[in-house]
Amino acid sequence: MWFFETKNPGRYINFIGIFPANTVLSTTIETNREHSKAVMGYAPTPVERFKSIMYLKRTFPGFPIHISIEPIMDFDLAPMISWMKNLKPVKVAVGYDSLNNNLPEPPKSKTLKLIEQLEKFTDVERKQL
């Protein structure tokens, strides 16, 4: 199995014809909220990543999707669950910032609610919580 992960899933389009058949496409969606470039860096926003991976899922349905919610940032529960239900990932990894970047993280209780909801329809990998 081949596993590709990027914060710029729109780039996958350039490689669709050369990915092996047993490829999983992954992206990071650490929140549904918009943040400044100082917080998020220069990667596409989470909304842009969601739209790109959703487009790939509809256009090239043969590729399983993996989502990394790591490092998790504070989020809105209903939209995050809705995004994940639409993406139908085979697995979601959830974890806190292990590098102490002082990101706006949600309380652990909120993260556990997210995980509880995700586990109703996909496999969840709990990372550093």
N, C-alpha and C. Protein backbone atom coordinates (compact mmCIF):
# COMPACT_ATOMS: atom_id res chain seq x y z
N MET A 1 0.84 -1.18 0.00
CA MET A 1 0.00 0.00 0.00
C MET A 1 0.88 1.24 0.00
N TRP A 2 0.47 2.25 -0.75
CA TRP A 2 1.14 3.54 -0.82
C TRP A 2 0.30 4.56 -0.08
N PHE A 3 0.95 5.41 0.72
CA PHE A 3 0.25 6.41 1.51
C PHE A 3 0.89 7.76 1.21
N PHE A 4 0.09 8.68 0.67
CA PHE A 4 0.57 10.03 0.37
C PHE A 4 -0.19 11.02 1.22
N GLU A 5 0.54 11.97 1.85
CA GLU A 5 -0.11 12.96 2.69
C GLU A 5 0.47 14.34 2.37
N THR A 6 -0.43 15.32 2.28
CA THR A 6 -0.02 16.69 1.98
C THR A 6 -1.02 17.68 2.57
N LYS A 7 -0.55 18.89 2.81
CA LYS A 7 -1.47 19.96 3.19
C LYS A 7 -1.94 20.71 1.95
N ASN A 8 -1.57 20.24 0.79
CA ASN A 8 -2.02 20.84 -0.46
C ASN A 8 -2.60 19.75 -1.37
N PRO A 9 -3.77 19.19 -1.01
CA PRO A 9 -4.32 18.06 -1.76
C PRO A 9 -4.73 18.41 -3.19
N GLY A 10 -4.83 19.68 -3.52
CA GLY A 10 -5.10 20.05 -4.91
C GLY A 10 -4.00 19.58 -5.84
N ARG A 11 -2.81 19.39 -5.32
CA ARG A 11 -1.67 18.91 -6.12
C ARG A 11 -1.82 17.45 -6.55
N TYR A 12 -2.64 16.69 -5.82
CA TYR A 12 -2.82 15.29 -6.20
C TYR A 12 -3.29 15.15 -7.64
N ILE A 13 -4.05 16.12 -8.13
CA ILE A 13 -4.59 16.08 -9.49
C ILE A 13 -3.47 15.86 -10.50
N ASN A 14 -2.29 16.46 -10.24
CA ASN A 14 -1.16 16.35 -11.17
C ASN A 14 -0.56 14.95 -11.22
N PHE A 15 -0.92 14.09 -10.26
CA PHE A 15 -0.29 12.78 -10.17
C PHE A 15 -1.27 11.62 -10.26
N ILE A 16 -2.55 11.90 -10.44
CA ILE A 16 -3.57 10.85 -10.44
C ILE A 16 -3.23 9.73 -11.41
N GLY A 17 -2.76 10.05 -12.57
CA GLY A 17 -2.46 9.03 -13.56
C GLY A 17 -1.28 8.13 -13.24
N ILE A 18 -0.47 8.52 -12.27
CA ILE A 18 0.72 7.71 -11.96
C ILE A 18 0.70 7.09 -10.57
N PHE A 19 -0.32 7.39 -9.75
CA PHE A 19 -0.42 6.72 -8.46
C PHE A 19 -0.70 5.24 -8.66
N PRO A 20 -0.05 4.37 -7.90
CA PRO A 20 -0.38 2.95 -7.96
C PRO A 20 -1.83 2.71 -7.52
N ALA A 21 -2.39 1.60 -7.92
CA ALA A 21 -3.80 1.29 -7.61
C ALA A 21 -4.05 1.21 -6.11
N ASN A 22 -3.08 0.80 -5.34
CA ASN A 22 -3.26 0.62 -3.90
C ASN A 22 -2.76 1.85 -3.12
N THR A 23 -3.22 3.03 -3.53
CA THR A 23 -2.80 4.29 -2.94
C THR A 23 -3.89 4.87 -2.05
N VAL A 24 -3.50 5.38 -0.89
CA VAL A 24 -4.39 6.13 0.00
C VAL A 24 -3.94 7.59 -0.07
N LEU A 25 -4.90 8.49 -0.32
CA LEU A 25 -4.61 9.91 -0.37
C LEU A 25 -5.02 10.55 0.96
N SER A 26 -4.12 11.34 1.53
CA SER A 26 -4.37 11.93 2.83
C SER A 26 -4.10 13.43 2.81
N THR A 27 -4.81 14.13 3.68
CA THR A 27 -4.53 15.54 3.90
C THR A 27 -4.78 15.86 5.36
N THR A 28 -4.24 16.98 5.79
CA THR A 28 -4.44 17.46 7.14
C THR A 28 -5.56 18.48 7.14
N ILE A 29 -6.54 18.27 8.00
CA ILE A 29 -7.60 19.26 8.22
C ILE A 29 -7.69 19.40 9.74
N GLU A 30 -6.90 20.31 10.28
CA GLU A 30 -6.78 20.41 11.73
C GLU A 30 -7.89 21.21 12.39
N THR A 31 -8.72 21.88 11.59
CA THR A 31 -9.83 22.68 12.10
C THR A 31 -10.75 23.02 10.93
N ASN A 32 -11.92 23.51 11.22
CA ASN A 32 -12.79 24.02 10.17
C ASN A 32 -12.74 25.55 10.14
N ARG A 33 -12.01 26.12 11.07
CA ARG A 33 -11.95 27.57 11.22
C ARG A 33 -10.81 28.18 10.41
N GLU A 34 -10.99 29.44 10.05
CA GLU A 34 -9.94 30.20 9.37
C GLU A 34 -9.02 30.81 10.42
N HIS A 35 -7.73 30.80 10.14
CA HIS A 35 -6.74 31.40 11.02
C HIS A 35 -5.75 32.19 10.18
N SER A 36 -4.99 33.03 10.81
CA SER A 36 -4.00 33.83 10.10
C SER A 36 -2.86 32.95 9.60
N LYS A 37 -2.12 33.50 8.64
CA LYS A 37 -0.93 32.79 8.13
C LYS A 37 0.09 32.59 9.24
N ALA A 38 0.10 33.48 10.22
CA ALA A 38 1.03 33.32 11.35
C ALA A 38 0.75 32.03 12.10
N VAL A 39 -0.52 31.62 12.15
CA VAL A 39 -0.91 30.39 12.84
C VAL A 39 -0.85 29.20 11.89
N MET A 40 -1.37 29.37 10.67
CA MET A 40 -1.53 28.25 9.73
C MET A 40 -0.35 28.05 8.78
N GLY A 41 0.51 29.03 8.62
CA GLY A 41 1.57 28.92 7.64
C GLY A 41 1.02 29.21 6.24
N TYR A 42 1.71 28.77 5.23
CA TYR A 42 1.34 29.11 3.86
C TYR A 42 0.63 28.00 3.11
N ALA A 43 0.23 26.98 3.80
CA ALA A 43 -0.55 25.91 3.18
C ALA A 43 -1.95 26.44 2.85
N PRO A 44 -2.66 25.79 1.93
CA PRO A 44 -4.05 26.18 1.70
C PRO A 44 -4.84 26.11 3.01
N THR A 45 -5.89 26.89 3.11
CA THR A 45 -6.71 26.90 4.32
C THR A 45 -7.40 25.55 4.48
N PRO A 46 -7.86 25.23 5.68
CA PRO A 46 -8.61 23.99 5.87
C PRO A 46 -9.83 23.88 4.95
N VAL A 47 -10.51 24.99 4.71
CA VAL A 47 -11.67 24.97 3.80
C VAL A 47 -11.22 24.59 2.39
N GLU A 48 -10.12 25.19 1.93
CA GLU A 48 -9.60 24.86 0.59
C GLU A 48 -9.18 23.40 0.52
N ARG A 49 -8.55 22.89 1.58
CA ARG A 49 -8.13 21.49 1.59
C ARG A 49 -9.35 20.57 1.54
N PHE A 50 -10.38 20.90 2.34
CA PHE A 50 -11.60 20.10 2.31
C PHE A 50 -12.19 20.08 0.91
N LYS A 51 -12.32 21.23 0.28
CA LYS A 51 -12.90 21.30 -1.07
C LYS A 51 -12.06 20.52 -2.08
N SER A 52 -10.74 20.61 -1.98
CA SER A 52 -9.86 19.89 -2.91
C SER A 52 -9.98 18.38 -2.75
N ILE A 53 -9.95 17.90 -1.52
CA ILE A 53 -10.02 16.45 -1.31
C ILE A 53 -11.42 15.93 -1.63
N MET A 54 -12.44 16.76 -1.43
CA MET A 54 -13.81 16.39 -1.80
C MET A 54 -13.93 16.26 -3.31
N TYR A 55 -13.32 17.19 -4.04
CA TYR A 55 -13.31 17.13 -5.50
C TYR A 55 -12.62 15.85 -5.98
N LEU A 56 -11.49 15.54 -5.39
CA LEU A 56 -10.78 14.31 -5.76
C LEU A 56 -11.62 13.08 -5.48
N LYS A 57 -12.29 13.07 -4.34
CA LYS A 57 -13.11 11.91 -3.97
C LYS A 57 -14.23 11.70 -4.99
N ARG A 58 -14.85 12.78 -5.43
CA ARG A 58 -15.95 12.67 -6.42
C ARG A 58 -15.42 12.32 -7.81
N THR A 59 -14.29 12.91 -8.17
CA THR A 59 -13.76 12.74 -9.53
C THR A 59 -13.00 11.43 -9.70
N PHE A 60 -12.32 10.99 -8.67
CA PHE A 60 -11.53 9.77 -8.71
C PHE A 60 -11.90 8.88 -7.52
N PRO A 61 -13.08 8.28 -7.55
CA PRO A 61 -13.59 7.56 -6.37
C PRO A 61 -12.80 6.30 -6.00
N GLY A 62 -11.85 5.88 -6.79
CA GLY A 62 -11.11 4.66 -6.49
C GLY A 62 -10.06 4.81 -5.41
N PHE A 63 -9.77 6.03 -5.01
CA PHE A 63 -8.72 6.24 -4.01
C PHE A 63 -9.32 6.42 -2.62
N PRO A 64 -8.94 5.58 -1.66
CA PRO A 64 -9.39 5.79 -0.28
C PRO A 64 -8.80 7.10 0.27
N ILE A 65 -9.54 7.72 1.17
CA ILE A 65 -9.13 8.99 1.76
C ILE A 65 -8.79 8.78 3.24
N HIS A 66 -7.72 9.42 3.68
CA HIS A 66 -7.31 9.46 5.08
C HIS A 66 -7.25 10.93 5.47
N ILE A 67 -7.70 11.25 6.68
CA ILE A 67 -7.63 12.62 7.17
C ILE A 67 -6.83 12.66 8.47
N SER A 68 -5.93 13.62 8.55
CA SER A 68 -5.16 13.84 9.77
C SER A 68 -5.69 15.12 10.42
N ILE A 69 -6.25 14.99 11.60
CA ILE A 69 -6.66 16.15 12.39
C ILE A 69 -5.58 16.31 13.45
N GLU A 70 -4.42 16.71 12.94
CA GLU A 70 -3.23 16.76 13.80
C GLU A 70 -2.23 17.75 13.21
N PRO A 71 -1.80 18.72 13.95
CA PRO A 71 -2.20 18.98 15.31
C PRO A 71 -3.59 19.62 15.35
N ILE A 72 -4.44 19.08 16.18
CA ILE A 72 -5.81 19.57 16.26
C ILE A 72 -5.81 21.01 16.77
N MET A 73 -6.67 21.82 16.15
CA MET A 73 -6.87 23.20 16.60
C MET A 73 -8.35 23.34 16.94
N ASP A 74 -8.68 24.34 17.75
CA ASP A 74 -10.08 24.49 18.16
C ASP A 74 -10.97 24.52 16.92
N PHE A 75 -12.14 23.93 17.02
CA PHE A 75 -13.01 23.69 15.88
C PHE A 75 -14.46 23.80 16.31
N ASP A 76 -15.34 23.75 15.33
CA ASP A 76 -16.77 23.71 15.56
C ASP A 76 -17.22 22.28 15.28
N LEU A 77 -17.82 21.63 16.26
CA LEU A 77 -18.11 20.20 16.17
C LEU A 77 -18.98 19.83 14.98
N ALA A 78 -20.12 20.46 14.81
CA ALA A 78 -21.04 20.07 13.73
C ALA A 78 -20.41 20.19 12.34
N PRO A 79 -19.75 21.30 12.01
CA PRO A 79 -19.11 21.36 10.69
C PRO A 79 -18.00 20.32 10.50
N MET A 80 -17.20 20.07 11.54
CA MET A 80 -16.13 19.06 11.40
C MET A 80 -16.72 17.68 11.13
N ILE A 81 -17.76 17.33 11.85
CA ILE A 81 -18.40 16.03 11.64
C ILE A 81 -19.00 15.97 10.24
N SER A 82 -19.64 17.04 9.81
CA SER A 82 -20.23 17.09 8.47
C SER A 82 -19.16 16.91 7.40
N TRP A 83 -18.04 17.60 7.54
CA TRP A 83 -16.95 17.45 6.57
C TRP A 83 -16.49 16.00 6.51
N MET A 84 -16.27 15.39 7.66
CA MET A 84 -15.77 14.02 7.68
C MET A 84 -16.79 13.04 7.11
N LYS A 85 -18.06 13.25 7.40
CA LYS A 85 -19.10 12.37 6.83
C LYS A 85 -19.12 12.49 5.31
N ASN A 86 -18.95 13.69 4.79
CA ASN A 86 -18.93 13.88 3.34
C ASN A 86 -17.69 13.25 2.71
N LEU A 87 -16.57 13.32 3.38
CA LEU A 87 -15.33 12.76 2.84
C LEU A 87 -15.28 11.23 2.95
N LYS A 88 -15.99 10.68 3.92
CA LYS A 88 -15.98 9.23 4.15
C LYS A 88 -14.55 8.65 4.19
N PRO A 89 -13.71 9.18 5.08
CA PRO A 89 -12.35 8.66 5.14
C PRO A 89 -12.31 7.24 5.70
N VAL A 90 -11.32 6.48 5.26
CA VAL A 90 -11.15 5.13 5.79
C VAL A 90 -10.58 5.18 7.21
N LYS A 91 -9.89 6.29 7.50
CA LYS A 91 -9.32 6.47 8.84
C LYS A 91 -9.09 7.96 9.07
N VAL A 92 -9.22 8.35 10.34
CA VAL A 92 -8.93 9.72 10.77
C VAL A 92 -7.96 9.63 11.94
N ALA A 93 -6.85 10.34 11.84
CA ALA A 93 -5.90 10.41 12.95
C ALA A 93 -6.14 11.72 13.69
N VAL A 94 -6.24 11.66 15.02
CA VAL A 94 -6.50 12.84 15.83
C VAL A 94 -5.41 12.95 16.90
N GLY A 95 -4.79 14.13 16.98
CA GLY A 95 -3.77 14.32 18.00
C GLY A 95 -3.46 15.78 18.24
N TYR A 96 -2.94 16.05 19.41
CA TYR A 96 -2.57 17.41 19.80
C TYR A 96 -1.16 17.73 19.29
N ASP A 97 -0.81 18.99 19.38
CA ASP A 97 0.50 19.49 18.96
C ASP A 97 1.59 18.89 19.85
N SER A 98 2.44 18.10 19.28
CA SER A 98 3.52 17.48 20.06
C SER A 98 4.79 18.33 20.07
N LEU A 99 4.77 19.45 19.32
CA LEU A 99 5.96 20.30 19.23
C LEU A 99 5.84 21.60 20.02
N ASN A 100 4.78 21.72 20.81
CA ASN A 100 4.58 22.91 21.65
C ASN A 100 4.64 24.22 20.88
N ASN A 101 3.83 24.30 19.81
CA ASN A 101 3.77 25.50 18.98
C ASN A 101 2.76 26.53 19.48
N ASN A 102 2.15 26.26 20.63
CA ASN A 102 1.16 27.18 21.21
C ASN A 102 0.00 27.46 20.27
N LEU A 103 -0.51 26.42 19.64
CA LEU A 103 -1.66 26.55 18.75
C LEU A 103 -2.94 26.69 19.58
N PRO A 104 -3.99 27.26 18.99
CA PRO A 104 -5.26 27.36 19.72
C PRO A 104 -5.98 26.00 19.74
N GLU A 105 -5.64 25.21 20.74
CA GLU A 105 -6.17 23.85 20.84
C GLU A 105 -7.51 23.81 21.58
N PRO A 106 -8.34 22.83 21.23
CA PRO A 106 -9.60 22.67 21.96
C PRO A 106 -9.34 21.96 23.29
N PRO A 107 -10.28 22.09 24.24
CA PRO A 107 -10.15 21.30 25.46
C PRO A 107 -10.27 19.81 25.14
N LYS A 108 -9.65 18.98 25.96
CA LYS A 108 -9.67 17.54 25.71
C LYS A 108 -11.10 17.00 25.64
N SER A 109 -12.01 17.53 26.44
CA SER A 109 -13.39 17.05 26.44
C SER A 109 -14.04 17.26 25.06
N LYS A 110 -13.74 18.35 24.42
CA LYS A 110 -14.29 18.63 23.09
C LYS A 110 -13.68 17.68 22.05
N THR A 111 -12.39 17.43 22.17
CA THR A 111 -11.72 16.49 21.26
C THR A 111 -12.31 15.10 21.42
N LEU A 112 -12.58 14.69 22.65
CA LEU A 112 -13.17 13.37 22.89
C LEU A 112 -14.57 13.27 22.31
N LYS A 113 -15.33 14.38 22.33
CA LYS A 113 -16.65 14.38 21.69
C LYS A 113 -16.51 14.19 20.17
N LEU A 114 -15.53 14.86 19.60
CA LEU A 114 -15.26 14.70 18.16
C LEU A 114 -14.93 13.25 17.84
N ILE A 115 -14.04 12.67 18.61
CA ILE A 115 -13.63 11.28 18.39
C ILE A 115 -14.84 10.34 18.53
N GLU A 116 -15.64 10.57 19.54
CA GLU A 116 -16.84 9.74 19.76
C GLU A 116 -17.75 9.78 18.53
N GLN A 117 -17.94 10.94 17.96
CA GLN A 117 -18.79 11.08 16.77
C GLN A 117 -18.14 10.43 15.54
N LEU A 118 -16.83 10.63 15.38
CA LEU A 118 -16.12 10.04 14.25
C LEU A 118 -16.17 8.52 14.29
N GLU A 119 -16.04 7.94 15.48
CA GLU A 119 -16.02 6.48 15.61
C GLU A 119 -17.34 5.84 15.21
N LYS A 120 -18.39 6.62 15.05
CA LYS A 120 -19.67 6.08 14.59
C LYS A 120 -19.64 5.72 13.11
N PHE A 121 -18.67 6.29 12.35
CA PHE A 121 -18.67 6.00 10.92
C PHE A 121 -17.29 5.77 10.29
N THR A 122 -16.23 5.87 11.08
CA THR A 122 -14.90 5.61 10.53
C THR A 122 -13.96 5.13 11.62
N ASP A 123 -12.83 4.61 11.21
CA ASP A 123 -11.78 4.19 12.14
C ASP A 123 -11.02 5.42 12.59
N VAL A 124 -10.76 5.53 13.89
CA VAL A 124 -10.04 6.69 14.44
C VAL A 124 -8.76 6.22 15.09
N GLU A 125 -7.67 6.87 14.73
CA GLU A 125 -6.38 6.62 15.36
C GLU A 125 -6.14 7.75 16.35
N ARG A 126 -6.09 7.40 17.62
CA ARG A 126 -5.83 8.40 18.65
C ARG A 126 -4.33 8.55 18.81
N LYS A 127 -3.87 9.73 18.55
CA LYS A 127 -2.45 10.01 18.70
C LYS A 127 -2.24 10.70 20.03
N GLN A 128 -1.34 11.63 20.14
CA GLN A 128 -1.06 12.30 21.42
C GLN A 128 -2.26 13.15 21.82
N LEU A 129 -2.98 12.70 22.87
CA LEU A 129 -4.14 13.45 23.34
C LEU A 129 -3.83 14.10 24.67
